[in-house]
C-alpha atoms as a PDB file:
ATOM      1  CA  MET A   1       0.000   0.000   0.000  1.00  0.00           C
ATOM      2  CA  PRO A   2       1.437   3.409  -0.897  1.00  0.00           C
ATOM      3  CA  ASN A   3       2.425   5.732   1.938  1.00  0.00           C
ATOM      4  CA  TRP A   4      -0.001   8.483   0.935  1.00  0.00           C
ATOM      5  CA  ILE A   5      -3.193   6.407   1.255  1.00  0.00           C
ATOM      6  CA  GLU A   6      -3.242   6.172   5.062  1.00  0.00           C
ATOM      7  CA  PRO A   7      -2.987   9.950   5.670  1.00  0.00           C
ATOM      8  CA  LEU A   8      -5.634  10.476   2.979  1.00  0.00           C
ATOM      9  CA  LEU A   9      -7.995   8.039   4.708  1.00  0.00           C
ATOM     10  CA  ALA A  10      -7.323   9.725   8.055  1.00  0.00           C
ATOM     11  CA  LEU A  11      -8.090  13.136   6.544  1.00  0.00           C
ATOM     12  CA  ILE A  12     -11.305  11.846   4.986  1.00  0.00           C
ATOM     13  CA  ALA A  13     -12.361  10.345   8.324  1.00  0.00           C
ATOM     14  CA  LEU A  14     -11.582  13.601  10.148  1.00  0.00           C
ATOM     15  CA  VAL A  15     -13.484  15.736   7.654  1.00  0.00           C
ATOM     16  CA  GLY A  16     -16.403  13.309   7.753  1.00  0.00           C
ATOM     17  CA  PHE A  17     -16.512  13.378  11.545  1.00  0.00           C
ATOM     18  CA  LEU A  18     -16.389  17.181  11.652  1.00  0.00           C
ATOM     19  CA  GLY A  19     -19.130  17.411   9.029  1.00  0.00           C
ATOM     20  CA  PHE A  20     -21.274  14.999  11.021  1.00  0.00           C
ATOM     21  CA  ALA A  21     -20.665  16.920  14.256  1.00  0.00           C
ATOM     22  CA  PHE A  22     -21.534  20.291  12.728  1.00  0.00           C
ATOM     23  CA  ARG A  23     -24.636  18.838  11.086  1.00  0.00           C
ATOM     24  CA  GLN A  24     -25.791  17.432  14.417  1.00  0.00           C
ATOM     25  CA  GLY A  25     -25.005  20.752  16.105  1.00  0.00           C
ATOM     26  CA  THR A  26     -27.281  22.634  13.730  1.00  0.00           C
ATOM     27  CA  LYS A  27     -30.194  20.303  14.547  1.00  0.00           C
ATOM     28  CA  VAL A  28     -30.084  21.039  18.298  1.00  0.00           C
ATOM     29  CA  SER A  29     -32.134  24.005  19.392  1.00  0.00           C
ATOM     30  CA  PRO A  30     -31.370  25.691  22.712  1.00  0.00           C
ATOM     31  CA  ASN A  31     -33.852  25.054  25.497  1.00  0.00           C
ATOM     32  CA  ARG A  32     -34.274  28.497  27.016  1.00  0.00           C
ATOM     33  CA  ASP A  33     -37.137  27.478  29.322  1.00  0.00           C
ATOM     34  CA  SER A  34     -35.152  25.005  31.396  1.00  0.00           C
ATOM     35  CA  THR A  35     -33.108  26.316  34.301  1.00  0.00           C
ATOM     36  CA  ASP A  36     -31.926  22.828  35.342  1.00  0.00           C
ATOM     37  CA  THR A  37     -28.176  22.333  34.936  1.00  0.00           C
ATOM     38  CA  SER A  38     -25.861  19.466  35.766  1.00  0.00           C
ATOM     39  CA  ILE A  39     -23.684  21.703  37.968  1.00  0.00           C
ATOM     40  CA  GLY A  40     -24.662  21.762  41.614  1.00  0.00           C
ATOM     41  CA  SER A  41     -25.658  24.895  43.473  1.00  0.00           C
ATOM     42  CA  ASP A  42     -22.267  24.990  45.203  1.00  0.00           C
ATOM     43  CA  GLY A  43     -20.471  25.091  41.841  1.00  0.00           C
ATOM     44  CA  SER A  44     -19.124  21.550  41.970  1.00  0.00           C
ATOM     45  CA  SER A  45     -19.695  19.229  39.052  1.00  0.00           C
ATOM     46  CA  GLY A  46     -19.314  15.991  41.022  1.00  0.00           C
ATOM     47  CA  SER A  47     -21.119  14.598  44.018  1.00  0.00           C
ATOM     48  CA  ASP A  48     -17.954  14.714  46.147  1.00  0.00           C
ATOM     49  CA  GLY A  49     -16.921  18.212  45.105  1.00  0.00           C
ATOM     50  CA  HIS A  50     -13.577  17.060  43.704  1.00  0.00           C
ATOM     51  CA  GLY A  51     -14.439  17.053  40.014  1.00  0.00           C
ATOM     52  CA  GLY A  52     -15.373  13.384  39.969  1.00  0.00           C
ATOM     53  CA  HIS A  53     -11.829  12.012  40.206  1.00  0.00           C
END
């Protein structure tokens, strides 16, 4: 297999993934009515307050 095919396939996969991600991002509409967030009221994102590690 020539050496230029693998980088070409990687580039095609990367461009395809980015295209898919941007297409999915345009389908999501912001939910402005919901005030529920995953971050706790004390500002911690984990249940133990240490960032979940």
